[in-house]
């Protein structure tokens, strides 16, 4: 039987993300959204979109996108909280 710990660790290893190369040297759209305070709703919308799409496609890349948006959103919240404290 696969344990939750095995599944979590395997999922973490799979979901390591680095962003897209096609924005290197240019402004990242997410940087623009963060600086204008509009990233949170965008991220949550994309998390819902990719999670829903995964149910149809079974494409693991959809879950990777869910994790990436969740990681960025979590990191942003932690960093912003540190700035407020």
PDB file of N, CA and C in Angstrom:
ATOM      1  N   UNK A   1       0.842  -1.190   0.000  1.00  0.00           N
ATOM      2  CA  UNK A   1       0.000   0.000   0.000  1.00  0.00           C
ATOM      3  C   UNK A   1       0.879   1.242   0.000  1.00  0.00           C
ATOM      4  N   UNK A   2       0.494   2.239  -0.755  1.00  0.00           N
ATOM      5  CA  UNK A   2       1.211   3.511  -0.807  1.00  0.00           C
ATOM      6  C   UNK A   2       0.752   4.370   0.359  1.00  0.00           C
ATOM      7  N   UNK A   3       1.701   4.900   1.112  1.00  0.00           N
ATOM      8  CA  UNK A   3       1.342   5.754   2.249  1.00  0.00           C
ATOM      9  C   UNK A   3       1.231   7.211   1.802  1.00  0.00           C
ATOM     10  N   UNK A   4       0.580   7.996   2.620  1.00  0.00           N
ATOM     11  CA  UNK A   4       0.459   9.430   2.350  1.00  0.00           C
ATOM     12  C   UNK A   4       1.836  10.077   2.296  1.00  0.00           C
ATOM     13  N   UNK A   5       2.768   9.597   3.105  1.00  0.00           N
ATOM     14  CA  UNK A   5       4.118  10.167   3.123  1.00  0.00           C
ATOM     15  C   UNK A   5       4.846   9.900   1.807  1.00  0.00           C
ATOM     16  N   UNK A   6       4.699   8.698   1.280  1.00  0.00           N
ATOM     17  CA  UNK A   6       5.310   8.367  -0.016  1.00  0.00           C
ATOM     18  C   UNK A   6       4.693   9.213  -1.132  1.00  0.00           C
ATOM     19  N   UNK A   7       3.374   9.322  -1.111  1.00  0.00           N
ATOM     20  CA  UNK A   7       2.677  10.090  -2.142  1.00  0.00           C
ATOM     21  C   UNK A   7       3.071  11.564  -2.072  1.00  0.00           C
ATOM     22  N   UNK A   8       3.140  12.114  -0.870  1.00  0.00           N
ATOM     23  CA  UNK A   8       3.503  13.517  -0.702  1.00  0.00           C
ATOM     24  C   UNK A   8       4.915  13.776  -1.218  1.00  0.00           C
ATOM     25  N   UNK A   9       5.866  12.945  -0.842  1.00  0.00           N
ATOM     26  CA  UNK A   9       7.251  13.139  -1.259  1.00  0.00           C
ATOM     27  C   UNK A   9       7.409  12.973  -2.771  1.00  0.00           C
ATOM     28  N   UNK A  10       6.762  11.986  -3.340  1.00  0.00           N
ATOM     29  CA  UNK A  10       6.817  11.795  -4.791  1.00  0.00           C
ATOM     30  C   UNK A  10       6.203  12.994  -5.502  1.00  0.00           C
ATOM     31  N   UNK A  11       5.091  13.464  -4.997  1.00  0.00           N
ATOM     32  CA  UNK A  11       4.440  14.639  -5.578  1.00  0.00           C
ATOM     33  C   UNK A  11       5.306  15.878  -5.469  1.00  0.00           C
ATOM     34  N   UNK A  12       5.962  16.068  -4.342  1.00  0.00           N
ATOM     35  CA  UNK A  12       6.847  17.230  -4.174  1.00  0.00           C
ATOM     36  C   UNK A  12       7.974  17.200  -5.186  1.00  0.00           C
ATOM     37  N   UNK A  13       8.561  16.044  -5.364  1.00  0.00           N
ATOM     38  CA  UNK A  13       9.665  15.927  -6.321  1.00  0.00           C
ATOM     39  C   UNK A  13       9.192  16.222  -7.744  1.00  0.00           C
ATOM     40  N   UNK A  14       7.998  15.747  -8.084  1.00  0.00           N
ATOM     41  CA  UNK A  14       7.464  15.978  -9.422  1.00  0.00           C
ATOM     42  C   UNK A  14       7.117  17.444  -9.644  1.00  0.00           C
ATOM     43  N   UNK A  15       6.626  18.112  -8.625  1.00  0.00           N
ATOM     44  CA  UNK A  15       6.094  19.467  -8.770  1.00  0.00           C
ATOM     45  C   UNK A  15       7.124  20.570  -8.579  1.00  0.00           C
ATOM     46  N   UNK A  16       8.403  20.244  -8.566  1.00  0.00           N
ATOM     47  CA  UNK A  16       9.407  21.302  -8.512  1.00  0.00           C
ATOM     48  C   UNK A  16       9.336  22.083  -9.811  1.00  0.00           C
ATOM     49  N   UNK A  17       9.141  23.395  -9.710  1.00  0.00           N
ATOM     50  CA  UNK A  17       8.968  24.214 -10.911  1.00  0.00           C
ATOM     51  C   UNK A  17       9.928  25.395 -10.886  1.00  0.00           C
ATOM     52  N   UNK A  18      10.212  25.904 -12.066  1.00  0.00           N
ATOM     53  CA  UNK A  18      11.152  27.020 -12.199  1.00  0.00           C
ATOM     54  C   UNK A  18      10.599  28.166 -13.041  1.00  0.00           C
ATOM     55  N   UNK A  19       9.405  28.077 -13.507  1.00  0.00           N
ATOM     56  CA  UNK A  19       8.880  29.123 -14.381  1.00  0.00           C
ATOM     57  C   UNK A  19       9.232  28.854 -15.834  1.00  0.00           C
ATOM     58  N   UNK A  20       8.856  29.772 -16.691  1.00  0.00           N
ATOM     59  CA  UNK A  20       9.026  29.591 -18.128  1.00  0.00           C
ATOM     60  C   UNK A  20      10.263  30.309 -18.643  1.00  0.00           C
ATOM     61  N   UNK A  21      10.976  29.658 -19.535  1.00  0.00           N
ATOM     62  CA  UNK A  21      12.152  30.279 -20.144  1.00  0.00           C
ATOM     63  C   UNK A  21      11.777  31.404 -21.108  1.00  0.00           C
ATOM     64  N   UNK A  22      10.562  31.369 -21.653  1.00  0.00           N
ATOM     65  CA  UNK A  22      10.229  32.361 -22.675  1.00  0.00           C
ATOM     66  C   UNK A  22      10.060  33.769 -22.114  1.00  0.00           C
ATOM     67  N   UNK A  23      10.088  33.949 -20.784  1.00  0.00           N
ATOM     68  CA  UNK A  23      10.035  35.288 -20.205  1.00  0.00           C
ATOM     69  C   UNK A  23      11.400  35.771 -19.729  1.00  0.00           C
ATOM     70  N   UNK A  24      12.423  34.945 -19.831  1.00  0.00           N
ATOM     71  CA  UNK A  24      13.754  35.330 -19.362  1.00  0.00           C
ATOM     72  C   UNK A  24      14.206  36.589 -20.098  1.00  0.00           C
ATOM     73  N   UNK A  25      14.661  37.579 -19.342  1.00  0.00           N
ATOM     74  CA  UNK A  25      15.125  38.829 -19.936  1.00  0.00           C
ATOM     75  C   UNK A  25      14.022  39.855 -20.131  1.00  0.00           C
ATOM     76  N   UNK A  26      12.786  39.462 -19.945  1.00  0.00           N
ATOM     77  CA  UNK A  26      11.630  40.357 -20.065  1.00  0.00           C
ATOM     78  C   UNK A  26      10.912  40.374 -18.730  1.00  0.00           C
ATOM     79  N   UNK A  27       9.951  41.264 -18.586  1.00  0.00           N
ATOM     80  CA  UNK A  27       9.187  41.298 -17.334  1.00  0.00           C
ATOM     81  C   UNK A  27       8.305  40.057 -17.260  1.00  0.00           C
ATOM     82  N   UNK A  28       8.328  39.407 -16.116  1.00  0.00           N
ATOM     83  CA  UNK A  28       7.426  38.277 -15.873  1.00  0.00           C
ATOM     84  C   UNK A  28       6.025  38.845 -15.638  1.00  0.00           C
ATOM     85  N   UNK A  29       5.011  38.351 -16.346  1.00  0.00           N
ATOM     86  CA  UNK A  29       3.658  38.839 -16.098  1.00  0.00           C
ATOM     87  C   UNK A  29       3.245  38.704 -14.633  1.00  0.00           C
ATOM     88  N   UNK A  30       3.690  37.651 -13.967  1.00  0.00           N
ATOM     89  CA  UNK A  30       3.329  37.477 -12.558  1.00  0.00           C
ATOM     90  C   UNK A  30       3.977  38.568 -11.697  1.00  0.00           C
ATOM     91  N   UNK A  31       5.198  38.990 -12.037  1.00  0.00           N
ATOM     92  CA  UNK A  31       5.810  40.112 -11.314  1.00  0.00           C
ATOM     93  C   UNK A  31       4.956  41.365 -11.447  1.00  0.00           C
ATOM     94  N   UNK A  32       4.452  41.603 -12.646  1.00  0.00           N
ATOM     95  CA  UNK A  32       3.575  42.749 -12.878  1.00  0.00           C
ATOM     96  C   UNK A  32       2.313  42.644 -12.018  1.00  0.00           C
ATOM     97  N   UNK A  33       1.716  41.442 -11.995  1.00  0.00           N
ATOM     98  CA  UNK A  33       0.490  41.251 -11.207  1.00  0.00           C
ATOM     99  C   UNK A  33       0.749  41.421  -9.717  1.00  0.00           C
ATOM    100  N   UNK A  34       1.865  40.890  -9.234  1.00  0.00           N
ATOM    101  CA  UNK A  34       2.198  41.030  -7.820  1.00  0.00           C
ATOM    102  C   UNK A  34       2.372  42.503  -7.468  1.00  0.00           C
ATOM    103  N   UNK A  35       3.115  43.233  -8.297  1.00  0.00           N
ATOM    104  CA  UNK A  35       3.390  44.638  -7.990  1.00  0.00           C
ATOM    105  C   UNK A  35       2.140  45.504  -8.063  1.00  0.00           C
ATOM    106  N   UNK A  36       1.116  45.027  -8.768  1.00  0.00           N
ATOM    107  CA  UNK A  36      -0.137  45.780  -8.860  1.00  0.00           C
ATOM    108  C   UNK A  36      -1.247  45.200  -7.991  1.00  0.00           C
ATOM    109  N   UNK A  37      -0.905  44.228  -7.151  1.00  0.00           N
ATOM    110  CA  UNK A  37      -1.867  43.686  -6.201  1.00  0.00           C
ATOM    111  C   UNK A  37      -2.991  42.861  -6.802  1.00  0.00           C
ATOM    112  N   UNK A  38      -2.751  42.263  -7.969  1.00  0.00           N
ATOM    113  CA  UNK A  38      -3.822  41.504  -8.620  1.00  0.00           C
ATOM    114  C   UNK A  38      -3.495  40.025  -8.792  1.00  0.00           C
ATOM    115  N   UNK A  39      -2.403  39.576  -8.198  1.00  0.00           N
ATOM    116  CA  UNK A  39      -1.992  38.192  -8.404  1.00  0.00           C
ATOM    117  C   UNK A  39      -2.866  37.182  -7.672  1.00  0.00           C
ATOM    118  N   UNK A  40      -3.306  37.500  -6.457  1.00  0.00           N
ATOM    119  CA  UNK A  40      -4.032  36.515  -5.652  1.00  0.00           C
ATOM    120  C   UNK A  40      -5.242  35.940  -6.382  1.00  0.00           C
ATOM    121  N   UNK A  41      -6.095  36.796  -6.905  1.00  0.00           N
ATOM    122  CA  UNK A  41      -7.286  36.304  -7.606  1.00  0.00           C
ATOM    123  C   UNK A  41      -6.916  35.534  -8.867  1.00  0.00           C
ATOM    124  N   UNK A  42      -5.887  36.002  -9.584  1.00  0.00           N
ATOM    125  CA  UNK A  42      -5.404  35.304 -10.773  1.00  0.00           C
ATOM    126  C   UNK A  42      -4.934  33.895 -10.409  1.00  0.00           C
ATOM    127  N   UNK A  43      -4.159  33.780  -9.339  1.00  0.00           N
ATOM    128  CA  UNK A  43      -3.619  32.482  -8.912  1.00  0.00           C
ATOM    129  C   UNK A  43      -4.741  31.532  -8.501  1.00  0.00           C
ATOM    130  N   UNK A  44      -5.656  32.015  -7.704  1.00  0.00           N
ATOM    131  CA  UNK A  44      -6.757  31.166  -7.240  1.00  0.00           C
ATOM    132  C   UNK A  44      -7.602  30.700  -8.434  1.00  0.00           C
ATOM    133  N   UNK A  45      -7.861  31.591  -9.375  1.00  0.00           N
ATOM    134  CA  UNK A  45      -8.608  31.211 -10.573  1.00  0.00           C
ATOM    135  C   UNK A  45      -7.892  30.134 -11.374  1.00  0.00           C
ATOM    136  N   UNK A  46      -6.577  30.274 -11.506  1.00  0.00           N
ATOM    137  CA  UNK A  46      -5.814  29.272 -12.246  1.00  0.00           C
ATOM    138  C   UNK A  46      -5.727  27.950 -11.496  1.00  0.00           C
ATOM    139  N   UNK A  47      -5.629  27.985 -10.192  1.00  0.00           N
ATOM    140  CA  UNK A  47      -5.637  26.753  -9.398  1.00  0.00           C
ATOM    141  C   UNK A  47      -6.934  25.985  -9.648  1.00  0.00           C
ATOM    142  N   UNK A  48      -8.053  26.698  -9.613  1.00  0.00           N
ATOM    143  CA  UNK A  48      -9.348  26.062  -9.868  1.00  0.00           C
ATOM    144  C   UNK A  48      -9.409  25.518 -11.293  1.00  0.00           C
ATOM    145  N   UNK A  49      -8.954  26.324 -12.252  1.00  0.00           N
ATOM    146  CA  UNK A  49      -8.997  25.919 -13.661  1.00  0.00           C
ATOM    147  C   UNK A  49      -8.192  24.640 -13.898  1.00  0.00           C
ATOM    148  N   UNK A  50      -6.940  24.627 -13.431  1.00  0.00           N
ATOM    149  CA  UNK A  50      -6.092  23.469 -13.703  1.00  0.00           C
ATOM    150  C   UNK A  50      -6.523  22.236 -12.912  1.00  0.00           C
ATOM    151  N   UNK A  51      -7.039  22.411 -11.703  1.00  0.00           N
ATOM    152  CA  UNK A  51      -7.526  21.271 -10.932  1.00  0.00           C
ATOM    153  C   UNK A  51      -8.752  20.655 -11.612  1.00  0.00           C
ATOM    154  N   UNK A  52      -9.634  21.510 -12.103  1.00  0.00           N
ATOM    155  CA  UNK A  52     -10.822  21.027 -12.807  1.00  0.00           C
ATOM    156  C   UNK A  52     -10.434  20.347 -14.117  1.00  0.00           C
ATOM    157  N   UNK A  53      -9.489  20.937 -14.825  1.00  0.00           N
ATOM    158  CA  UNK A  53      -9.047  20.347 -16.094  1.00  0.00           C
ATOM    159  C   UNK A  53      -8.393  18.986 -15.880  1.00  0.00           C
ATOM    160  N   UNK A  54      -7.648  18.835 -14.780  1.00  0.00           N
ATOM    161  CA  UNK A  54      -7.006  17.563 -14.491  1.00  0.00           C
ATOM    162  C   UNK A  54      -8.027  16.430 -14.404  1.00  0.00           C
ATOM    163  N   UNK A  55      -9.186  16.713 -13.824  1.00  0.00           N
ATOM    164  CA  UNK A  55     -10.211  15.676 -13.705  1.00  0.00           C
ATOM    165  C   UNK A  55     -10.597  15.122 -15.076  1.00  0.00           C
ATOM    166  N   UNK A  56     -10.508  15.947 -16.118  1.00  0.00           N
ATOM    167  CA  UNK A  56     -10.848  15.500 -17.471  1.00  0.00           C
ATOM    168  C   UNK A  56      -9.644  14.919 -18.203  1.00  0.00           C
ATOM    169  N   UNK A  57      -8.477  15.574 -18.075  1.00  0.00           N
ATOM    170  CA  UNK A  57      -7.323  15.199 -18.890  1.00  0.00           C
ATOM    171  C   UNK A  57      -6.443  14.134 -18.258  1.00  0.00           C
ATOM    172  N   UNK A  58      -6.416  14.072 -16.908  1.00  0.00           N
ATOM    173  CA  UNK A  58      -5.490  13.201 -16.156  1.00  0.00           C
ATOM    174  C   UNK A  58      -4.034  13.542 -16.511  1.00  0.00           C
ATOM    175  N   UNK A  59      -3.798  14.758 -16.970  1.00  0.00           N
ATOM    176  CA  UNK A  59      -2.471  15.227 -17.340  1.00  0.00           C
ATOM    177  C   UNK A  59      -1.778  15.766 -16.086  1.00  0.00           C
ATOM    178  N   UNK A  60      -0.685  15.136 -15.687  1.00  0.00           N
ATOM    179  CA  UNK A  60       0.015  15.549 -14.477  1.00  0.00           C
ATOM    180  C   UNK A  60       0.562  16.960 -14.561  1.00  0.00           C
ATOM    181  N   UNK A  61       0.790  17.473 -15.768  1.00  0.00           N
ATOM    182  CA  UNK A  61       1.246  18.859 -15.896  1.00  0.00           C
ATOM    183  C   UNK A  61       0.206  19.842 -15.361  1.00  0.00           C
ATOM    184  N   UNK A  62      -1.069  19.491 -15.438  1.00  0.00           N
ATOM    185  CA  UNK A  62      -2.099  20.345 -14.851  1.00  0.00           C
ATOM    186  C   UNK A  62      -1.923  20.436 -13.336  1.00  0.00           C
ATOM    187  N   UNK A  63      -1.610  19.318 -12.702  1.00  0.00           N
ATOM    188  CA  UNK A  63      -1.367  19.347 -11.260  1.00  0.00           C
ATOM    189  C   UNK A  63      -0.084  20.102 -10.924  1.00  0.00           C
ATOM    190  N   UNK A  64       0.885  20.014 -11.792  1.00  0.00           N
ATOM    191  CA  UNK A  64       2.128  20.762 -11.581  1.00  0.00           C
ATOM    192  C   UNK A  64       1.835  22.263 -11.591  1.00  0.00           C
ATOM    193  N   UNK A  65       0.952  22.702 -12.469  1.00  0.00           N
ATOM    194  CA  UNK A  65       0.572  24.114 -12.523  1.00  0.00           C
ATOM    195  C   UNK A  65      -0.193  24.522 -11.261  1.00  0.00           C
ATOM    196  N   UNK A  66      -1.062  23.645 -10.772  1.00  0.00           N
ATOM    197  CA  UNK A  66      -1.763  23.919  -9.516  1.00  0.00           C
ATOM    198  C   UNK A  66      -0.750  24.142  -8.400  1.00  0.00           C
ATOM    199  N   UNK A  67       0.218  23.227  -8.304  1.00  0.00           N
ATOM    200  CA  UNK A  67       1.231  23.329  -7.250  1.00  0.00           C
ATOM    201  C   UNK A  67       2.069  24.591  -7.414  1.00  0.00           C
ATOM    202  N   UNK A  68       2.432  24.935  -8.640  1.00  0.00           N
ATOM    203  CA  UNK A  68       3.258  26.113  -8.870  1.00  0.00           C
ATOM    204  C   UNK A  68       2.541  27.378  -8.413  1.00  0.00           C
ATOM    205  N   UNK A  69       1.287  27.537  -8.797  1.00  0.00           N
ATOM    206  CA  UNK A  69       0.532  28.712  -8.357  1.00  0.00           C
ATOM    207  C   UNK A  69       0.365  28.716  -6.836  1.00  0.00           C
ATOM    208  N   UNK A  70       0.136  27.568  -6.238  1.00  0.00           N
ATOM    209  CA  UNK A  70       0.005  27.488  -4.773  1.00  0.00           C
ATOM    210  C   UNK A  70       1.320  27.833  -4.088  1.00  0.00           C
ATOM    211  N   UNK A  71       2.451  27.372  -4.656  1.00  0.00           N
ATOM    212  CA  UNK A  71       3.752  27.694  -4.078  1.00  0.00           C
ATOM    213  C   UNK A  71       4.028  29.197  -4.138  1.00  0.00           C
ATOM    214  N   UNK A  72       3.761  29.802  -5.282  1.00  0.00           N
ATOM    215  CA  UNK A  72       3.996  31.238  -5.434  1.00  0.00           C
ATOM    216  C   UNK A  72       3.091  32.018  -4.487  1.00  0.00           C
ATOM    217  N   UNK A  73       1.824  31.645  -4.432  1.00  0.00           N
ATOM    218  CA  UNK A  73       0.870  32.332  -3.568  1.00  0.00           C
ATOM    219  C   UNK A  73       1.261  32.190  -2.097  1.00  0.00           C
ATOM    220  N   UNK A  74       1.687  31.001  -1.706  1.00  0.00           N
ATOM    221  CA  UNK A  74       2.132  30.782  -0.326  1.00  0.00           C
ATOM    222  C   UNK A  74       3.361  31.616  -0.004  1.00  0.00           C
ATOM    223  N   UNK A  75       4.338  31.583  -0.900  1.00  0.00           N
ATOM    224  CA  UNK A  75       5.556  32.354  -0.683  1.00  0.00           C
ATOM    225  C   UNK A  75       5.282  33.835  -0.609  1.00  0.00           C
ATOM    226  N   UNK A  76       4.416  34.328  -1.477  1.00  0.00           N
ATOM    227  CA  UNK A  76       4.063  35.740  -1.468  1.00  0.00           C
ATOM    228  C   UNK A  76       3.404  36.131  -0.147  1.00  0.00           C
ATOM    229  N   UNK A  77       2.501  35.301   0.335  1.00  0.00           N
ATOM    230  CA  UNK A  77       1.818  35.572   1.598  1.00  0.00           C
ATOM    231  C   UNK A  77       2.816  35.607   2.757  1.00  0.00           C
ATOM    232  N   UNK A  78       3.721  34.652   2.780  1.00  0.00           N
ATOM    233  CA  UNK A  78       4.732  34.593   3.848  1.00  0.00           C
ATOM    234  C   UNK A  78       5.621  35.830   3.797  1.00  0.00           C
ATOM    235  N   UNK A  79       6.087  36.199   2.604  1.00  0.00           N
ATOM    236  CA  UNK A  79       6.974  37.358   2.465  1.00  0.00           C
ATOM    237  C   UNK A  79       6.259  38.664   2.799  1.00  0.00           C
ATOM    238  N   UNK A  80       5.016  38.796   2.360  1.00  0.00           N
ATOM    239  CA  UNK A  80       4.260  40.012   2.658  1.00  0.00           C
ATOM    240  C   UNK A  80       3.935  40.114   4.140  1.00  0.00           C
ATOM    241  N   UNK A  81       3.653  38.989   4.762  1.00  0.00           N
ATOM    242  CA  UNK A  81       3.402  38.981   6.200  1.00  0.00           C
ATOM    243  C   UNK A  81       4.646  39.432   6.946  1.00  0.00           C
ATOM    244  N   UNK A  82       5.823  38.985   6.498  1.00  0.00           N
ATOM    245  CA  UNK A  82       7.082  39.402   7.110  1.00  0.00           C
ATOM    246  C   UNK A  82       7.311  40.898   6.976  1.00  0.00           C
ATOM    247  N   UNK A  83       6.902  41.475   5.849  1.00  0.00           N
ATOM    248  CA  UNK A  83       7.035  42.916   5.654  1.00  0.00           C
ATOM    249  C   UNK A  83       6.088  43.697   6.554  1.00  0.00           C
ATOM    250  N   UNK A  84       4.911  43.122   6.853  1.00  0.00           N
ATOM    251  CA  UNK A  84       3.916  43.796   7.707  1.00  0.00           C
ATOM    252  C   UNK A  84       4.300  43.729   9.174  1.00  0.00           C
ATOM    253  N   UNK A  85       5.028  42.682   9.574  1.00  0.00           N
ATOM    254  CA  UNK A  85       5.390  42.508  10.996  1.00  0.00           C
ATOM    255  C   UNK A  85       6.490  43.448  11.436  1.00  0.00           C
TER     256      UNK A  85
END
